[in-house]
Amino acid sequence: MTEPVRSPMPGLTVADTLLALGQSCLDRGEGEQAYGWFRSAARGGDARALNMLGRCLEHGWGVPADPFQAAAHYRKAAELGDGWALFNLADLYCRGVGVPADDEAAYRLYAASAAKGNAKALNMLGLFHESGRAVPADDAAARALFKAAAESGDCWGRFNHARMLLLAGQSDEALRWFGLALDSGFPDFYRSMAAALAPHPDPRIQALAARAAALAEPAPAQEAKAHR
């Protein structure tokens, strides 16, 4: 008979332990084992575990990719109040993956995620206000949301806040925030940042682009944690 998993540290629940084991497996590229630990944690109704099952199903970590099932798991976790599940479900509606494309639904879910303190959701709301998706275009609201996301530590928020500062002619402050973005990103972000900044005529910004390109090396563990 298999021994039950017991929490090794006071204050940690069994679900906490199972989630930590799952994340450790993801960090090592062991997707199938990670999925098993997350599934065990989800049996007790843990919203975080349901969200991570959704992540595995969305990206094919240890199981065949199934965006429809990913959406179903995100929805269950979101109904239980998980902020990351709200964000991840919003992403699916934003892209029309696993669910019909629906900007209004995406905006509502990003707003709900932001209300739970998710800085990445603040950045996405900024993009919606900047482009006029689901809401009227409003540059002032976009700038405020990017600034809030940046100050909360989100790499994309820092990048977009810096971008707005650059457009406003505040190049020194923009450079500071671009530099902070480099301290908090992940490979896909660094690749996008390098591509966006490389054509700029300012050699200081070109230097930042070169730094971003140098950081854009594959790192599955960082990618796996990006939308936890």
Protein backbone atom coordinates (compact mmCIF):
# COMPACT_ATOMS: atom_id res chain seq x y z
CA MET A 1 0.00 0.00 0.00
CA THR A 2 1.38 3.43 -0.97
CA GLU A 3 2.08 5.78 1.92
CA PRO A 4 0.01 8.98 1.78
CA VAL A 5 1.85 12.21 1.07
CA ARG A 6 2.28 14.18 4.27
CA SER A 7 3.33 17.79 4.47
CA PRO A 8 7.02 17.90 5.49
CA MET A 9 6.87 21.37 7.05
CA PRO A 10 4.59 22.91 9.67
CA GLY A 11 2.13 25.34 8.14
CA LEU A 12 2.15 23.69 4.71
CA THR A 13 -0.91 21.77 3.58
CA VAL A 14 -0.74 18.52 1.63
CA ALA A 15 -1.83 20.50 -1.44
CA ASP A 16 1.08 22.91 -0.91
CA THR A 17 3.48 19.97 -0.85
CA LEU A 18 1.99 18.34 -3.93
CA LEU A 19 2.12 21.62 -5.83
CA ALA A 20 5.76 22.12 -4.84
CA LEU A 21 6.60 18.61 -6.05
CA GLY A 22 4.81 19.30 -9.33
CA GLN A 23 6.62 22.59 -9.88
CA SER A 24 9.94 20.92 -9.08
CA CYS A 25 9.24 18.36 -11.79
CA LEU A 26 8.34 21.10 -14.27
CA ASP A 27 11.58 22.88 -13.43
CA ARG A 28 13.45 19.71 -14.42
CA GLY A 29 11.42 19.23 -17.60
CA GLU A 30 9.55 16.22 -16.19
CA GLY A 31 6.10 17.16 -17.43
CA GLU A 32 4.41 13.79 -17.00
CA GLN A 33 5.41 13.53 -13.35
CA ALA A 34 4.43 17.17 -12.78
CA TYR A 35 0.98 16.54 -14.22
CA GLY A 36 0.55 13.59 -11.85
CA TRP A 37 1.38 15.68 -8.78
CA PHE A 38 -0.92 18.51 -9.88
CA ARG A 39 -3.72 16.02 -10.52
CA SER A 40 -3.28 14.60 -7.02
CA ALA A 41 -3.46 18.10 -5.54
CA ALA A 42 -6.55 18.91 -7.60
CA ARG A 43 -8.48 15.94 -6.22
CA GLY A 44 -8.99 17.93 -3.04
CA GLY A 45 -10.42 20.85 -5.01
CA ASP A 46 -7.35 23.08 -4.77
CA ALA A 47 -7.83 25.97 -7.21
CA ARG A 48 -4.09 26.43 -7.73
CA ALA A 49 -3.73 22.80 -8.77
CA LEU A 50 -6.65 23.07 -11.19
CA ASN A 51 -4.96 26.10 -12.72
CA MET A 52 -1.68 24.20 -13.13
CA LEU A 53 -3.52 21.29 -14.75
CA GLY A 54 -4.89 23.86 -17.16
CA ARG A 55 -1.37 25.10 -17.85
CA CYS A 56 -0.19 21.56 -18.58
CA LEU A 57 -3.14 20.93 -20.88
CA GLU A 58 -2.72 24.26 -22.66
CA HIS A 59 0.98 23.76 -23.35
CA GLY A 60 1.27 19.99 -23.60
CA TRP A 61 3.43 19.59 -20.50
CA GLY A 62 3.33 15.85 -19.81
CA VAL A 63 0.02 15.35 -21.64
CA PRO A 64 -1.22 15.99 -25.19
CA ALA A 65 -2.14 19.66 -25.57
CA ASP A 66 -5.90 20.16 -25.26
CA PRO A 67 -6.94 23.83 -25.12
CA PHE A 68 -10.60 22.95 -24.61
CA GLN A 69 -9.81 20.97 -21.46
CA ALA A 70 -7.37 23.68 -20.42
CA ALA A 71 -10.19 26.22 -20.59
CA ALA A 72 -12.44 23.94 -18.54
CA HIS A 73 -9.80 23.61 -15.81
CA TYR A 74 -9.11 27.34 -15.78
CA ARG A 75 -12.83 28.01 -15.49
CA LYS A 76 -13.18 25.68 -12.50
CA ALA A 77 -10.21 27.30 -10.79
CA ALA A 78 -11.48 30.78 -11.62
CA GLU A 79 -14.86 29.95 -10.09
CA LEU A 80 -12.94 29.08 -6.92
CA GLY A 81 -11.31 32.50 -6.99
CA ASP A 82 -7.81 31.76 -8.32
CA GLY A 83 -6.31 34.94 -9.75
CA TRP A 84 -3.96 33.19 -12.16
CA ALA A 85 -6.77 31.03 -13.52
CA LEU A 86 -8.76 34.20 -14.24
CA PHE A 87 -5.74 35.55 -16.11
CA ASN A 88 -5.08 32.35 -18.06
CA LEU A 89 -8.73 32.00 -19.07
CA ALA A 90 -8.69 35.64 -20.17
CA ASP A 91 -5.68 34.86 -22.36
CA LEU A 92 -7.61 32.07 -24.08
CA TYR A 93 -10.55 34.38 -24.80
CA CYS A 94 -8.12 37.05 -25.98
CA ARG A 95 -6.55 34.64 -28.48
CA GLY A 96 -9.61 32.54 -29.30
CA VAL A 97 -7.87 29.33 -28.22
CA GLY A 98 -10.03 26.60 -26.67
CA VAL A 99 -12.91 29.09 -26.46
CA PRO A 100 -14.46 31.52 -28.97
CA ALA A 101 -12.54 34.79 -29.25
CA ASP A 102 -14.30 37.31 -27.02
CA ASP A 103 -12.57 40.58 -26.13
CA GLU A 104 -15.29 41.62 -23.69
CA ALA A 105 -15.00 38.35 -21.75
CA ALA A 106 -11.21 38.65 -21.78
CA TYR A 107 -11.38 42.20 -20.43
CA ARG A 108 -13.74 41.21 -17.60
CA LEU A 109 -11.50 38.30 -16.61
CA TYR A 110 -8.33 40.41 -16.74
CA ALA A 111 -10.07 42.99 -14.56
CA ALA A 112 -11.07 40.31 -12.05
CA SER A 113 -7.50 38.99 -12.01
CA ALA A 114 -6.12 42.51 -11.54
CA ALA A 115 -8.48 43.01 -8.61
CA LYS A 116 -6.72 40.06 -6.95
CA GLY A 117 -3.36 41.78 -7.31
CA ASN A 118 -2.12 40.28 -10.58
CA ALA A 119 0.28 42.80 -12.15
CA LYS A 120 0.29 40.99 -15.49
CA ALA A 121 -3.45 41.55 -15.70
CA LEU A 122 -2.93 45.29 -15.15
CA ASN A 123 -0.58 45.29 -18.13
CA MET A 124 -3.12 43.48 -20.32
CA LEU A 125 -5.83 45.97 -19.34
CA GLY A 126 -3.40 48.71 -20.37
CA LEU A 127 -3.02 47.12 -23.81
CA PHE A 128 -6.80 46.92 -24.20
CA HIS A 129 -7.19 50.61 -23.33
CA GLU A 130 -4.31 51.60 -25.60
CA SER A 131 -5.69 49.74 -28.62
CA GLY A 132 -9.40 50.23 -27.95
CA ARG A 133 -10.17 46.52 -27.61
CA ALA A 134 -13.44 45.92 -25.71
CA VAL A 135 -13.29 49.50 -24.37
CA PRO A 136 -12.88 52.93 -25.98
CA ALA A 137 -9.24 53.82 -26.66
CA ASP A 138 -7.88 55.84 -23.74
CA ASP A 139 -4.15 56.64 -23.66
CA ALA A 140 -4.33 58.15 -20.17
CA ALA A 141 -5.89 54.99 -18.75
CA ALA A 142 -3.36 52.85 -20.62
CA ARG A 143 -0.45 54.85 -19.19
CA ALA A 144 -1.85 54.59 -15.66
CA LEU A 145 -2.32 50.83 -15.97
CA PHE A 146 1.14 50.27 -17.43
CA LYS A 147 2.63 52.35 -14.62
CA ALA A 148 0.76 50.32 -12.00
CA ALA A 149 1.89 47.06 -13.59
CA ALA A 150 5.47 48.33 -13.79
CA GLU A 151 5.54 49.40 -10.16
CA SER A 152 4.17 45.98 -9.20
CA GLY A 153 7.13 44.29 -10.90
CA ASP A 154 5.69 42.92 -14.16
CA CYS A 155 8.29 42.84 -16.93
CA TRP A 156 5.77 43.66 -19.68
CA GLY A 157 4.32 46.43 -17.55
CA ARG A 158 7.81 47.86 -17.12
CA PHE A 159 8.46 47.61 -20.86
CA ASN A 160 5.18 49.28 -21.81
CA HIS A 161 5.57 51.97 -19.16
CA ALA A 162 9.04 52.67 -20.55
CA ARG A 163 7.64 52.70 -24.08
CA MET A 164 5.08 55.33 -23.11
CA LEU A 165 7.75 57.42 -21.39
CA LEU A 166 9.89 57.24 -24.51
CA LEU A 167 6.98 58.41 -26.66
CA ALA A 168 6.51 61.32 -24.24
CA GLY A 169 10.15 62.33 -24.67
CA GLN A 170 11.23 61.20 -21.20
CA SER A 171 14.12 59.11 -22.47
CA ASP A 172 16.19 58.96 -19.27
CA GLU A 173 13.27 57.65 -17.21
CA ALA A 174 12.35 55.28 -20.05
CA LEU A 175 15.87 53.85 -20.03
CA ARG A 176 15.60 53.22 -16.30
CA TRP A 177 12.38 51.25 -16.72
CA PHE A 178 13.69 49.32 -19.73
CA GLY A 179 16.62 48.33 -17.53
CA LEU A 180 14.28 47.19 -14.76
CA ALA A 181 12.33 45.15 -17.31
CA LEU A 182 15.53 43.29 -18.14
CA ASP A 183 15.82 42.32 -14.46
CA SER A 184 12.41 40.63 -14.32
CA GLY A 185 11.73 38.92 -17.65
CA PHE A 186 11.90 35.49 -19.25
CA PRO A 187 13.20 34.24 -22.64
CA ASP A 188 10.15 35.00 -24.81
CA PHE A 189 9.92 38.45 -23.28
CA TYR A 190 13.61 39.14 -23.91
CA ARG A 191 13.25 38.10 -27.55
CA SER A 192 10.29 40.43 -28.02
CA MET A 193 12.05 43.27 -26.23
CA ALA A 194 15.17 42.86 -28.37
CA ALA A 195 13.13 42.88 -31.59
CA ALA A 196 11.15 45.96 -30.51
CA LEU A 197 14.14 48.05 -29.43
CA ALA A 198 16.79 47.08 -31.98
CA PRO A 199 15.57 49.46 -34.75
CA HIS A 200 15.58 52.51 -32.44
CA PRO A 201 18.17 55.15 -33.43
CA ASP A 202 19.31 55.88 -29.86
CA PRO A 203 22.49 53.82 -29.22
CA ARG A 204 21.58 53.48 -25.54
CA ILE A 205 18.36 51.73 -26.52
CA GLN A 206 20.19 49.61 -29.07
CA ALA A 207 22.49 48.53 -26.24
CA LEU A 208 19.45 47.47 -24.21
CA ALA A 209 18.22 45.49 -27.21
CA ALA A 210 21.56 43.70 -27.37
CA ARG A 211 21.35 42.88 -23.65
CA ALA A 212 17.84 41.52 -24.11
CA ALA A 213 18.96 39.36 -27.04
CA ALA A 214 21.79 37.94 -24.94
CA LEU A 215 19.31 36.97 -22.21
CA ALA A 216 16.92 35.26 -24.65
CA GLU A 217 18.13 31.73 -24.04
CA PRO A 218 15.72 28.80 -23.58
CA ALA A 219 14.71 28.26 -19.97
CA PRO A 220 11.67 25.94 -19.63
CA ALA A 221 11.41 26.44 -15.87
CA GLN A 222 11.01 30.21 -16.26
CA GLU A 223 8.39 29.76 -18.98
CA ALA A 224 6.48 27.28 -16.82
CA LYS A 225 6.26 29.79 -13.96
CA ALA A 226 5.29 32.81 -16.06
CA HIS A 227 1.51 32.42 -15.66
CA ARG A 228 1.20 30.43 -12.48
